[in-house]
Structure formats: C-alpha cells, structure tokens
Amino acid sequence: MSGICYVRGDATAPQGKGVKIIAHVCNDLGGWGKGFVVAVSRRWSEPEAAYRRWHRERAANDFGLGAVQFVQAEPPYTWVANMVGQRGMRTGSKGVPVRYDAIDTALEAVAVRAAELGASVHMPRIGCGLAGGKWSRIEPLIEERLVGRGIAVTVYDHD
C-alpha cells in the first residue's frame, strides 16, 4: 500500500494547511514552455525566471542533472522545487529524456528541505509526461526518499 495520497486536481493549487513544496521535473537544456511548467508559470512568474537565470548562470552554480532549485512562490507557505531530472527534451537514439537517477538525487534534496521547513510535498506524476518516464519507476523513489521519512506527499492527477 502506498503512503502517497493521490487526488484529482491541480498541483499548482496544493491542498491542506502549512508549508508546501511543489516539486516538478525540468530539463537540463534551460527549456521551459511545455508540460506542467506552463501551469506553474500561469500561477507564478518567479519559478520560471529563477530557472532561466539558474541555467544562464550555470557555469557558476550547481545547475545540472539531479540539482534542485527552491523558489519561494507565495511567501511564507508555498515553494516550487525545480528539479533537473531529464536530459534534453526529446526521445531519440538514447531513449526517453527522463533520468531516474537524477530524479532520485533531486528527491533526496527535496526531502532535506521539506524536513527543514516542516513542509508537505505536492506534485504531478513527475517525469511521466514529456520526459517519458514510467510511474512504476518513479513511485518507489518517492516512497523511499520522502514517504519513508515521514514527509506527506500528494500526487495530483489533473482533470
């Protein structure tokens, strides 16, 4: 039985009280414009602006697969975790863009931040849309990194 709470709804409007981290997967090319990020940008401008800055200044920071950027979207309660978990944006000779090891590393960082903030974590089915991943590979990572540490996780299936 999963410790993840599955609901129908919009992950950019997380349910419940207290501090929330909205986690999602980004690519390693600096591209932002398709998939869940469109919903994020419709709601807040800062996560996209911060991600684009992070990529642009990558020679001087930690931008890369497995890295996470935490952006405060609605102080003091809502944060967005830009997790770099896909190589490129297209399926090609090297397979789908999702990188499970990078998502695992990123979820570890999300767990640390969630514990520091006393936050719950909210997300769509990360890595399974444009990144081409399989939920059967992602769900156990979430269970181990987050749920196994007592962090409440809600996964949203959009209507």
C-alpha atoms as a PDB file:
ATOM      1  CA  MET A   1       0.000   0.000   0.000  1.00  0.00           C
ATOM      2  CA  SER A   2       1.303   3.423  -0.952  1.00  0.00           C
ATOM      3  CA  GLY A   3       1.882   6.178   1.580  1.00  0.00           C
ATOM      4  CA  ILE A   4       1.298   8.672  -1.212  1.00  0.00           C
ATOM      5  CA  CYS A   5      -2.058  10.445  -1.288  1.00  0.00           C
ATOM      6  CA  TYR A   6      -3.483  10.526  -4.829  1.00  0.00           C
ATOM      7  CA  VAL A   7      -6.050  13.197  -5.675  1.00  0.00           C
ATOM      8  CA  ARG A   8      -7.692  14.715  -8.708  1.00  0.00           C
ATOM      9  CA  GLY A   9      -6.838  18.358  -9.123  1.00  0.00           C
ATOM     10  CA  ASP A  10      -4.198  20.925  -9.881  1.00  0.00           C
ATOM     11  CA  ALA A  11      -0.782  20.547  -8.250  1.00  0.00           C
ATOM     12  CA  THR A  12      -0.286  24.329  -8.512  1.00  0.00           C
ATOM     13  CA  ALA A  13      -3.166  24.707  -6.031  1.00  0.00           C
ATOM     14  CA  PRO A  14      -1.966  22.293  -3.342  1.00  0.00           C
ATOM     15  CA  GLN A  15      -4.440  21.085  -0.742  1.00  0.00           C
ATOM     16  CA  GLY A  16      -4.013  21.266   3.009  1.00  0.00           C
ATOM     17  CA  LYS A  17      -2.509  23.614   5.540  1.00  0.00           C
ATOM     18  CA  GLY A  18       1.046  24.596   6.331  1.00  0.00           C
ATOM     19  CA  VAL A  19       4.180  24.926   4.242  1.00  0.00           C
ATOM     20  CA  LYS A  20       4.084  23.171   0.866  1.00  0.00           C
ATOM     21  CA  ILE A  21       6.722  22.333  -1.716  1.00  0.00           C
ATOM     22  CA  ILE A  22       5.500  21.796  -5.274  1.00  0.00           C
ATOM     23  CA  ALA A  23       8.020  19.501  -6.946  1.00  0.00           C
ATOM     24  CA  HIS A  24       8.336  19.067 -10.690  1.00  0.00           C
ATOM     25  CA  VAL A  25      10.896  17.937 -13.259  1.00  0.00           C
ATOM     26  CA  CYS A  26      12.795  20.280 -15.590  1.00  0.00           C
ATOM     27  CA  ASN A  27      15.202  19.529 -18.424  1.00  0.00           C
ATOM     28  CA  ASP A  28      18.939  20.225 -18.498  1.00  0.00           C
ATOM     29  CA  LEU A  29      18.751  22.496 -21.571  1.00  0.00           C
ATOM     30  CA  GLY A  30      17.157  25.537 -19.954  1.00  0.00           C
ATOM     31  CA  GLY A  31      13.904  24.998 -21.849  1.00  0.00           C
ATOM     32  CA  TRP A  32      10.663  25.939 -20.128  1.00  0.00           C
ATOM     33  CA  GLY A  33       7.432  26.093 -22.064  1.00  0.00           C
ATOM     34  CA  LYS A  34       5.646  22.738 -22.308  1.00  0.00           C
ATOM     35  CA  GLY A  35       4.005  20.415 -19.840  1.00  0.00           C
ATOM     36  CA  PHE A  36       3.455  21.152 -16.146  1.00  0.00           C
ATOM     37  CA  VAL A  37       5.706  24.235 -16.208  1.00  0.00           C
ATOM     38  CA  VAL A  38       3.036  26.043 -18.227  1.00  0.00           C
ATOM     39  CA  ALA A  39       0.645  25.701 -15.277  1.00  0.00           C
ATOM     40  CA  VAL A  40       3.384  26.847 -12.873  1.00  0.00           C
ATOM     41  CA  SER A  41       4.050  29.945 -14.995  1.00  0.00           C
ATOM     42  CA  ARG A  42       0.357  30.764 -15.257  1.00  0.00           C
ATOM     43  CA  ARG A  43       0.227  30.935 -11.470  1.00  0.00           C
ATOM     44  CA  TRP A  44       3.632  32.475 -10.604  1.00  0.00           C
ATOM     45  CA  SER A  45       6.337  34.173 -12.669  1.00  0.00           C
ATOM     46  CA  GLU A  46       9.281  33.696 -10.302  1.00  0.00           C
ATOM     47  CA  PRO A  47       9.876  29.911 -10.692  1.00  0.00           C
ATOM     48  CA  GLU A  48      10.402  30.287 -14.452  1.00  0.00           C
ATOM     49  CA  ALA A  49      12.519  33.435 -14.117  1.00  0.00           C
ATOM     50  CA  ALA A  50      14.662  31.778 -11.436  1.00  0.00           C
ATOM     51  CA  TYR A  51      15.097  28.601 -13.530  1.00  0.00           C
ATOM     52  CA  ARG A  52      16.143  30.572 -16.607  1.00  0.00           C
ATOM     53  CA  ARG A  53      18.647  32.583 -14.501  1.00  0.00           C
ATOM     54  CA  TRP A  54      19.948  29.385 -12.915  1.00  0.00           C
ATOM     55  CA  HIS A  55      20.539  27.850 -16.366  1.00  0.00           C
ATOM     56  CA  ARG A  56      22.015  31.032 -17.853  1.00  0.00           C
ATOM     57  CA  GLU A  57      24.498  31.319 -14.958  1.00  0.00           C
ATOM     58  CA  ARG A  58      25.205  27.554 -14.822  1.00  0.00           C
ATOM     59  CA  ALA A  59      28.976  27.996 -15.194  1.00  0.00           C
ATOM     60  CA  ALA A  60      28.962  29.489 -11.688  1.00  0.00           C
ATOM     61  CA  ASN A  61      26.366  27.311  -9.923  1.00  0.00           C
ATOM     62  CA  ASP A  62      25.164  23.714  -9.415  1.00  0.00           C
ATOM     63  CA  PHE A  63      22.759  23.531 -12.403  1.00  0.00           C
ATOM     64  CA  GLY A  64      22.762  20.020 -13.849  1.00  0.00           C
ATOM     65  CA  LEU A  65      21.080  16.640 -13.624  1.00  0.00           C
ATOM     66  CA  GLY A  66      19.986  15.910 -10.062  1.00  0.00           C
ATOM     67  CA  ALA A  67      20.181  19.544  -8.898  1.00  0.00           C
ATOM     68  CA  VAL A  68      17.212  21.310  -7.313  1.00  0.00           C
ATOM     69  CA  GLN A  69      16.395  24.979  -7.135  1.00  0.00           C
ATOM     70  CA  PHE A  70      13.920  26.040  -4.441  1.00  0.00           C
ATOM     71  CA  VAL A  71      11.903  29.147  -5.299  1.00  0.00           C
ATOM     72  CA  GLN A  72       9.517  30.785  -2.864  1.00  0.00           C
ATOM     73  CA  ALA A  73       6.337  31.269  -4.900  1.00  0.00           C
ATOM     74  CA  GLU A  74       3.938  32.517  -2.215  1.00  0.00           C
ATOM     75  CA  PRO A  75       5.706  33.548   0.972  1.00  0.00           C
ATOM     76  CA  PRO A  76       5.738  32.110   3.506  1.00  0.00           C
ATOM     77  CA  TYR A  77       3.884  28.902   2.677  1.00  0.00           C
ATOM     78  CA  THR A  78       4.459  27.826  -0.939  1.00  0.00           C
ATOM     79  CA  TRP A  79       7.745  26.818  -2.554  1.00  0.00           C
ATOM     80  CA  VAL A  80       8.430  25.396  -6.016  1.00  0.00           C
ATOM     81  CA  ALA A  81      11.209  22.831  -6.413  1.00  0.00           C
ATOM     82  CA  ASN A  82      12.683  22.985  -9.938  1.00  0.00           C
ATOM     83  CA  MET A  83      14.280  19.508 -10.160  1.00  0.00           C
ATOM     84  CA  VAL A  84      16.590  18.853 -13.117  1.00  0.00           C
ATOM     85  CA  GLY A  85      15.600  15.296 -13.940  1.00  0.00           C
ATOM     86  CA  GLN A  86      15.604  14.962 -17.698  1.00  0.00           C
ATOM     87  CA  ARG A  87      18.386  15.030 -20.278  1.00  0.00           C
ATOM     88  CA  GLY A  88      17.209  17.091 -23.221  1.00  0.00           C
ATOM     89  CA  MET A  89      13.618  17.322 -24.343  1.00  0.00           C
ATOM     90  CA  ARG A  90      13.079  14.669 -26.993  1.00  0.00           C
ATOM     91  CA  THR A  91      13.033  10.925 -27.252  1.00  0.00           C
ATOM     92  CA  GLY A  92      15.855   9.862 -29.543  1.00  0.00           C
ATOM     93  CA  SER A  93      18.584   7.294 -30.026  1.00  0.00           C
ATOM     94  CA  LYS A  94      19.422   7.444 -26.304  1.00  0.00           C
ATOM     95  CA  GLY A  95      15.810   6.792 -25.276  1.00  0.00           C
ATOM     96  CA  VAL A  96      13.410   8.986 -23.362  1.00  0.00           C
ATOM     97  CA  PRO A  97      14.624  12.183 -21.643  1.00  0.00           C
ATOM     98  CA  VAL A  98      13.813  11.090 -18.062  1.00  0.00           C
ATOM     99  CA  ARG A  99      16.812  10.266 -15.858  1.00  0.00           C
ATOM    100  CA  TYR A 100      15.661   8.243 -12.862  1.00  0.00           C
ATOM    101  CA  ASP A 101      18.966   8.598 -11.026  1.00  0.00           C
ATOM    102  CA  ALA A 102      18.756  12.395 -11.326  1.00  0.00           C
ATOM    103  CA  ILE A 103      15.177  12.398 -10.038  1.00  0.00           C
ATOM    104  CA  ASP A 104      16.264  10.186  -7.126  1.00  0.00           C
ATOM    105  CA  THR A 105      19.079  12.616  -6.254  1.00  0.00           C
ATOM    106  CA  ALA A 106      16.726  15.582  -6.562  1.00  0.00           C
ATOM    107  CA  LEU A 107      14.097  13.938  -4.350  1.00  0.00           C
ATOM    108  CA  GLU A 108      16.767  13.493  -1.677  1.00  0.00           C
ATOM    109  CA  ALA A 109      17.339  17.277  -1.701  1.00  0.00           C
ATOM    110  CA  VAL A 110      13.572  17.879  -1.605  1.00  0.00           C
ATOM    111  CA  ALA A 111      13.316  15.579   1.433  1.00  0.00           C
ATOM    112  CA  VAL A 112      16.009  17.552   3.258  1.00  0.00           C
ATOM    113  CA  ARG A 113      14.336  20.896   2.504  1.00  0.00           C
ATOM    114  CA  ALA A 114      10.862  19.572   3.369  1.00  0.00           C
ATOM    115  CA  ALA A 115      12.164  18.384   6.743  1.00  0.00           C
ATOM    116  CA  GLU A 116      13.825  21.766   7.390  1.00  0.00           C
ATOM    117  CA  LEU A 117      10.619  23.639   6.541  1.00  0.00           C
ATOM    118  CA  GLY A 118       8.194  21.140   8.068  1.00  0.00           C
ATOM    119  CA  ALA A 119       6.599  21.030   4.625  1.00  0.00           C
ATOM    120  CA  SER A 120       4.415  18.593   2.751  1.00  0.00           C
ATOM    121  CA  VAL A 121       5.329  17.822  -0.883  1.00  0.00           C
ATOM    122  CA  HIS A 122       2.906  18.131  -3.801  1.00  0.00           C
ATOM    123  CA  MET A 123       3.466  17.141  -7.413  1.00  0.00           C
ATOM    124  CA  PRO A 124       2.001  15.884 -10.649  1.00  0.00           C
ATOM    125  CA  ARG A 125       3.230  12.434 -11.781  1.00  0.00           C
ATOM    126  CA  ILE A 126       6.756  13.781 -12.181  1.00  0.00           C
ATOM    127  CA  GLY A 127       8.888  12.506 -15.029  1.00  0.00           C
ATOM    128  CA  CYS A 128       5.968  10.752 -16.713  1.00  0.00           C
ATOM    129  CA  GLY A 129       4.709  13.376 -19.135  1.00  0.00           C
ATOM    130  CA  LEU A 130       7.031  14.854 -21.729  1.00  0.00           C
ATOM    131  CA  ALA A 131      10.041  13.233 -20.017  1.00  0.00           C
ATOM    132  CA  GLY A 132       8.644   9.815 -20.984  1.00  0.00           C
ATOM    133  CA  GLY A 133       9.175   8.052 -17.663  1.00  0.00           C
ATOM    134  CA  LYS A 134       7.191   5.261 -16.076  1.00  0.00           C
ATOM    135  CA  TRP A 135       5.345   5.870 -12.812  1.00  0.00           C
ATOM    136  CA  SER A 136       6.242   2.331 -11.733  1.00  0.00           C
ATOM    137  CA  ARG A 137       9.881   3.530 -11.608  1.00  0.00           C
ATOM    138  CA  ILE A 138       9.200   6.965 -10.055  1.00  0.00           C
ATOM    139  CA  GLU A 139       6.740   5.995  -7.316  1.00  0.00           C
ATOM    140  CA  PRO A 140       9.244   3.811  -5.381  1.00  0.00           C
ATOM    141  CA  LEU A 141      11.749   6.701  -5.393  1.00  0.00           C
ATOM    142  CA  ILE A 142       9.127   8.982  -3.821  1.00  0.00           C
ATOM    143  CA  GLU A 143       8.203   6.280  -1.297  1.00  0.00           C
ATOM    144  CA  GLU A 144      11.831   5.807  -0.270  1.00  0.00           C
ATOM    145  CA  ARG A 145      13.085   9.400  -0.278  1.00  0.00           C
ATOM    146  CA  LEU A 146      10.013  11.212   1.061  1.00  0.00           C
ATOM    147  CA  VAL A 147       7.292   8.973   2.488  1.00  0.00           C
ATOM    148  CA  GLY A 148       9.864   6.754   4.220  1.00  0.00           C
ATOM    149  CA  ARG A 149      10.996   9.827   6.160  1.00  0.00           C
ATOM    150  CA  GLY A 150       7.509  10.750   7.267  1.00  0.00           C
ATOM    151  CA  ILE A 151       7.021  13.519   4.707  1.00  0.00           C
ATOM    152  CA  ALA A 152       3.430  13.825   3.485  1.00  0.00           C
ATOM    153  CA  VAL A 153       3.221  13.546  -0.312  1.00  0.00           C
ATOM    154  CA  THR A 154       0.232  14.323  -2.503  1.00  0.00           C
ATOM    155  CA  VAL A 155       0.237  13.431  -6.203  1.00  0.00           C
ATOM    156  CA  TYR A 156      -2.265  15.248  -8.399  1.00  0.00           C
ATOM    157  CA  ASP A 157      -3.888  13.789 -11.479  1.00  0.00           C
ATOM    158  CA  HIS A 158      -5.217  16.733 -13.477  1.00  0.00           C
ATOM    159  CA  ASP A 159      -8.842  16.548 -14.618  1.00  0.00           C
END
